[in-house]
C-alpha atoms as a PDB file:
ATOM      1  CA  UNK A   1       2.513 -42.395 -49.880  1.00  0.00           C
ATOM      2  CA  UNK A   2       4.683 -45.516 -49.996  1.00  0.00           C
ATOM      3  CA  UNK A   3       8.402 -45.068 -50.614  1.00  0.00           C
ATOM      4  CA  UNK A   4       9.659 -48.579 -51.221  1.00  0.00           C
ATOM      5  CA  UNK A   5      13.259 -47.946 -52.262  1.00  0.00           C
ATOM      6  CA  UNK A   6      13.878 -44.498 -50.861  1.00  0.00           C
ATOM      7  CA  UNK A   7      16.533 -43.804 -48.244  1.00  0.00           C
ATOM      8  CA  UNK A   8      15.473 -44.814 -44.743  1.00  0.00           C
ATOM      9  CA  UNK A   9      15.703 -43.066 -41.374  1.00  0.00           C
ATOM     10  CA  UNK A  10      15.815 -46.010 -38.943  1.00  0.00           C
ATOM     11  CA  UNK A  11      17.368 -49.266 -40.144  1.00  0.00           C
ATOM     12  CA  UNK A  12      17.766 -52.415 -38.073  1.00  0.00           C
ATOM     13  CA  UNK A  13      20.456 -54.949 -39.004  1.00  0.00           C
ATOM     14  CA  UNK A  14      20.506 -58.371 -37.318  1.00  0.00           C
ATOM     15  CA  UNK A  15      24.135 -59.457 -36.862  1.00  0.00           C
ATOM     16  CA  UNK A  16      25.522 -62.962 -36.261  1.00  0.00           C
ATOM     17  CA  UNK A  17      29.225 -62.075 -36.728  1.00  0.00           C
ATOM     18  CA  UNK A  18      29.329 -63.566 -40.260  1.00  0.00           C
ATOM     19  CA  UNK A  19      30.652 -61.875 -43.390  1.00  0.00           C
ATOM     20  CA  UNK A  20      27.059 -61.805 -44.659  1.00  0.00           C
ATOM     21  CA  UNK A  21      26.187 -59.700 -41.601  1.00  0.00           C
ATOM     22  CA  UNK A  22      29.043 -57.332 -42.398  1.00  0.00           C
ATOM     23  CA  UNK A  23      27.636 -56.950 -45.917  1.00  0.00           C
ATOM     24  CA  UNK A  24      24.181 -56.241 -44.479  1.00  0.00           C
ATOM     25  CA  UNK A  25      25.603 -53.440 -42.292  1.00  0.00           C
ATOM     26  CA  UNK A  26      27.342 -51.957 -45.368  1.00  0.00           C
ATOM     27  CA  UNK A  27      24.099 -52.078 -47.376  1.00  0.00           C
ATOM     28  CA  UNK A  28      22.221 -50.426 -44.505  1.00  0.00           C
ATOM     29  CA  UNK A  29      24.823 -47.651 -44.335  1.00  0.00           C
ATOM     30  CA  UNK A  30      24.337 -47.018 -48.061  1.00  0.00           C
ATOM     31  CA  UNK A  31      20.546 -46.863 -47.663  1.00  0.00           C
ATOM     32  CA  UNK A  32      20.613 -44.486 -44.700  1.00  0.00           C
ATOM     33  CA  UNK A  33      18.970 -41.113 -45.292  1.00  0.00           C
ATOM     34  CA  UNK A  34      21.646 -38.460 -44.741  1.00  0.00           C
ATOM     35  CA  UNK A  35      19.902 -35.588 -46.544  1.00  0.00           C
ATOM     36  CA  UNK A  36      18.527 -33.883 -43.446  1.00  0.00           C
ATOM     37  CA  UNK A  37      21.327 -32.846 -41.047  1.00  0.00           C
ATOM     38  CA  UNK A  38      18.733 -31.946 -38.378  1.00  0.00           C
ATOM     39  CA  UNK A  39      17.364 -35.485 -38.378  1.00  0.00           C
ATOM     40  CA  UNK A  40      20.162 -37.888 -39.357  1.00  0.00           C
ATOM     41  CA  UNK A  41      19.260 -41.503 -39.991  1.00  0.00           C
ATOM     42  CA  UNK A  42      20.173 -44.189 -37.500  1.00  0.00           C
ATOM     43  CA  UNK A  43      21.321 -47.782 -37.769  1.00  0.00           C
ATOM     44  CA  UNK A  44      20.782 -50.266 -34.963  1.00  0.00           C
ATOM     45  CA  UNK A  45      22.546 -53.621 -34.878  1.00  0.00           C
ATOM     46  CA  UNK A  46      20.867 -56.492 -33.042  1.00  0.00           C
ATOM     47  CA  UNK A  47      22.321 -59.827 -31.969  1.00  0.00           C
ATOM     48  CA  UNK A  48      20.182 -62.563 -30.448  1.00  0.00           C
ATOM     49  CA  UNK A  49      21.738 -65.104 -28.096  1.00  0.00           C
ATOM     50  CA  UNK A  50      20.177 -68.564 -27.857  1.00  0.00           C
ATOM     51  CA  UNK A  51      18.315 -69.634 -24.753  1.00  0.00           C
ATOM     52  CA  UNK A  52      20.527 -71.991 -22.778  1.00  0.00           C
ATOM     53  CA  UNK A  53      19.276 -75.506 -22.212  1.00  0.00           C
ATOM     54  CA  UNK A  54      18.209 -76.243 -18.618  1.00  0.00           C
ATOM     55  CA  UNK A  55      20.922 -78.936 -18.496  1.00  0.00           C
ATOM     56  CA  UNK A  56      23.690 -76.568 -19.631  1.00  0.00           C
ATOM     57  CA  UNK A  57      26.381 -76.690 -16.876  1.00  0.00           C
ATOM     58  CA  UNK A  58      26.467 -72.910 -16.465  1.00  0.00           C
ATOM     59  CA  UNK A  59      22.736 -72.871 -15.957  1.00  0.00           C
ATOM     60  CA  UNK A  60      22.645 -75.938 -13.685  1.00  0.00           C
ATOM     61  CA  UNK A  61      25.165 -74.417 -11.287  1.00  0.00           C
ATOM     62  CA  UNK A  62      23.863 -70.879 -11.783  1.00  0.00           C
ATOM     63  CA  UNK A  63      27.300 -69.595 -12.866  1.00  0.00           C
ATOM     64  CA  UNK A  64      26.223 -68.056 -16.176  1.00  0.00           C
ATOM     65  CA  UNK A  65      23.900 -65.090 -15.783  1.00  0.00           C
ATOM     66  CA  UNK A  66      21.831 -63.673 -18.660  1.00  0.00           C
ATOM     67  CA  UNK A  67      23.156 -60.190 -17.869  1.00  0.00           C
ATOM     68  CA  UNK A  68      26.800 -61.306 -18.202  1.00  0.00           C
ATOM     69  CA  UNK A  69      26.032 -63.105 -21.484  1.00  0.00           C
ATOM     70  CA  UNK A  70      24.452 -59.917 -22.852  1.00  0.00           C
ATOM     71  CA  UNK A  71      27.356 -57.786 -21.593  1.00  0.00           C
ATOM     72  CA  UNK A  72      29.985 -60.033 -23.232  1.00  0.00           C
ATOM     73  CA  UNK A  73      28.061 -60.257 -26.508  1.00  0.00           C
ATOM     74  CA  UNK A  74      27.649 -56.465 -26.609  1.00  0.00           C
ATOM     75  CA  UNK A  75      31.406 -55.968 -26.140  1.00  0.00           C
ATOM     76  CA  UNK A  76      32.154 -58.579 -28.824  1.00  0.00           C
ATOM     77  CA  UNK A  77      29.733 -56.906 -31.243  1.00  0.00           C
ATOM     78  CA  UNK A  78      31.276 -53.473 -30.640  1.00  0.00           C
ATOM     79  CA  UNK A  79      34.736 -54.913 -31.335  1.00  0.00           C
ATOM     80  CA  UNK A  80      33.523 -56.774 -34.451  1.00  0.00           C
ATOM     81  CA  UNK A  81      31.979 -53.599 -35.866  1.00  0.00           C
ATOM     82  CA  UNK A  82      35.134 -51.567 -35.145  1.00  0.00           C
ATOM     83  CA  UNK A  83      37.315 -54.121 -36.945  1.00  0.00           C
ATOM     84  CA  UNK A  84      35.177 -53.657 -40.052  1.00  0.00           C
ATOM     85  CA  UNK A  85      35.177 -49.867 -39.663  1.00  0.00           C
ATOM     86  CA  UNK A  86      31.388 -49.982 -39.534  1.00  0.00           C
ATOM     87  CA  UNK A  87      29.642 -47.520 -37.284  1.00  0.00           C
ATOM     88  CA  UNK A  88      26.162 -48.094 -35.970  1.00  0.00           C
ATOM     89  CA  UNK A  89      24.220 -45.830 -33.642  1.00  0.00           C
ATOM     90  CA  UNK A  90      22.906 -48.445 -31.234  1.00  0.00           C
ATOM     91  CA  UNK A  91      23.542 -52.068 -30.342  1.00  0.00           C
ATOM     92  CA  UNK A  92      20.876 -54.355 -28.927  1.00  0.00           C
ATOM     93  CA  UNK A  93      21.637 -57.817 -27.573  1.00  0.00           C
ATOM     94  CA  UNK A  94      18.855 -60.049 -26.326  1.00  0.00           C
ATOM     95  CA  UNK A  95      18.174 -63.682 -25.540  1.00  0.00           C
ATOM     96  CA  UNK A  96      15.434 -65.725 -27.184  1.00  0.00           C
ATOM     97  CA  UNK A  97      13.994 -66.778 -30.516  1.00  0.00           C
ATOM     98  CA  UNK A  98      15.945 -64.815 -33.176  1.00  0.00           C
ATOM     99  CA  UNK A  99      12.989 -64.086 -35.469  1.00  0.00           C
ATOM    100  CA  UNK A 100      10.713 -62.913 -32.672  1.00  0.00           C
ATOM    101  CA  UNK A 101      13.452 -60.893 -30.939  1.00  0.00           C
ATOM    102  CA  UNK A 102      14.496 -59.131 -34.154  1.00  0.00           C
ATOM    103  CA  UNK A 103      10.880 -58.097 -34.750  1.00  0.00           C
ATOM    104  CA  UNK A 104      10.452 -56.986 -31.119  1.00  0.00           C
ATOM    105  CA  UNK A 105      13.542 -54.755 -31.350  1.00  0.00           C
ATOM    106  CA  UNK A 106      12.371 -53.388 -34.729  1.00  0.00           C
ATOM    107  CA  UNK A 107       9.045 -52.424 -33.141  1.00  0.00           C
ATOM    108  CA  UNK A 108      10.696 -50.855 -30.078  1.00  0.00           C
ATOM    109  CA  UNK A 109      13.140 -48.853 -32.208  1.00  0.00           C
ATOM    110  CA  UNK A 110      10.481 -47.767 -34.711  1.00  0.00           C
ATOM    111  CA  UNK A 111      12.541 -49.249 -37.546  1.00  0.00           C
ATOM    112  CA  UNK A 112      11.297 -48.468 -41.019  1.00  0.00           C
ATOM    113  CA  UNK A 113      13.510 -51.148 -42.633  1.00  0.00           C
ATOM    114  CA  UNK A 114      15.243 -54.369 -41.587  1.00  0.00           C
ATOM    115  CA  UNK A 115      18.272 -55.409 -43.655  1.00  0.00           C
ATOM    116  CA  UNK A 116      18.798 -59.116 -43.097  1.00  0.00           C
ATOM    117  CA  UNK A 117      21.373 -61.513 -44.526  1.00  0.00           C
ATOM    118  CA  UNK A 118      20.098 -64.864 -45.731  1.00  0.00           C
ATOM    119  CA  UNK A 119      22.343 -67.852 -45.188  1.00  0.00           C
ATOM    120  CA  UNK A 120      20.628 -69.919 -47.845  1.00  0.00           C
ATOM    121  CA  UNK A 121      19.969 -73.078 -45.874  1.00  0.00           C
ATOM    122  CA  UNK A 122      17.962 -75.628 -47.785  1.00  0.00           C
ATOM    123  CA  UNK A 123      16.477 -79.057 -47.350  1.00  0.00           C
ATOM    124  CA  UNK A 124      16.713 -80.869 -44.039  1.00  0.00           C
ATOM    125  CA  UNK A 125      19.004 -78.211 -42.499  1.00  0.00           C
ATOM    126  CA  UNK A 126      16.307 -75.569 -43.036  1.00  0.00           C
ATOM    127  CA  UNK A 127      13.609 -77.841 -41.622  1.00  0.00           C
ATOM    128  CA  UNK A 128      15.641 -78.576 -38.487  1.00  0.00           C
ATOM    129  CA  UNK A 129      16.984 -75.075 -37.880  1.00  0.00           C
ATOM    130  CA  UNK A 130      14.138 -73.007 -39.325  1.00  0.00           C
ATOM    131  CA  UNK A 131      14.596 -69.879 -41.328  1.00  0.00           C
ATOM    132  CA  UNK A 132      15.178 -66.730 -39.309  1.00  0.00           C
ATOM    133  CA  UNK A 133      14.788 -64.613 -42.443  1.00  0.00           C
ATOM    134  CA  UNK A 134      11.454 -66.244 -43.254  1.00  0.00           C
ATOM    135  CA  UNK A 135      10.168 -65.688 -39.715  1.00  0.00           C
ATOM    136  CA  UNK A 136      11.274 -62.043 -39.734  1.00  0.00           C
ATOM    137  CA  UNK A 137       9.558 -61.440 -43.078  1.00  0.00           C
ATOM    138  CA  UNK A 138       6.322 -62.877 -41.656  1.00  0.00           C
ATOM    139  CA  UNK A 139       6.422 -61.019 -38.309  1.00  0.00           C
ATOM    140  CA  UNK A 140       8.192 -57.731 -39.112  1.00  0.00           C
ATOM    141  CA  UNK A 141       6.456 -54.423 -38.388  1.00  0.00           C
ATOM    142  CA  UNK A 142       8.195 -52.845 -41.408  1.00  0.00           C
ATOM    143  CA  UNK A 143       9.640 -53.791 -44.825  1.00  0.00           C
ATOM    144  CA  UNK A 144      12.451 -56.359 -44.825  1.00  0.00           C
ATOM    145  CA  UNK A 145      15.305 -56.486 -47.320  1.00  0.00           C
ATOM    146  CA  UNK A 146      16.724 -60.022 -47.411  1.00  0.00           C
ATOM    147  CA  UNK A 147      20.193 -60.210 -48.947  1.00  0.00           C
ATOM    148  CA  UNK A 148      21.029 -63.489 -50.622  1.00  0.00           C
ATOM    149  CA  UNK A 149      24.569 -64.767 -50.190  1.00  0.00           C
ATOM    150  CA  UNK A 150      26.663 -63.742 -53.195  1.00  0.00           C
ATOM    151  CA  UNK A 151      29.044 -66.294 -54.654  1.00  0.00           C
ATOM    152  CA  UNK A 152      31.801 -64.312 -56.310  1.00  0.00           C
ATOM    153  CA  UNK A 153      34.157 -65.619 -58.980  1.00  0.00           C
ATOM    154  CA  UNK A 154      36.534 -67.169 -56.439  1.00  0.00           C
ATOM    155  CA  UNK A 155      33.834 -68.832 -54.363  1.00  0.00           C
ATOM    156  CA  UNK A 156      32.203 -72.097 -55.250  1.00  0.00           C
ATOM    157  CA  UNK A 157      28.453 -72.146 -55.152  1.00  0.00           C
ATOM    158  CA  UNK A 158      26.773 -74.973 -53.240  1.00  0.00           C
ATOM    159  CA  UNK A 159      25.651 -76.533 -56.551  1.00  0.00           C
ATOM    160  CA  UNK A 160      29.062 -76.658 -58.241  1.00  0.00           C
END
């Protein structure tokens, strides 16, 4: 039995500290299955740090450790979530390719949905940077809900 739009038990939300990420956490909270008090749903937030270049000063002089980067990013993510009054059950911070790391964490956590903001890059920017959302959709072990950026009445769309 496939339940495409039913409430979910384990939702993973990739977070990059943007407002689109905050919206994705809010959507995940709305989709969380809260019907069974014995088995409450869980939301995990994941943030992926980039791999530092071998010529990065902190890496050249061995002053920046991966563990300290992860520790600082975890603290920043906890603070960012608290400021938005958004509660998640777990926070994962890793280093590597964002698409691959998001899918790895989803597999480890047994996620049954990934809620992912799309930043709507197009053209040459998308070719140079790549699309994390596209990579996650291709590699994910579970369904992926990609949220397009909403341009409200006070925001200008990229085409106007």
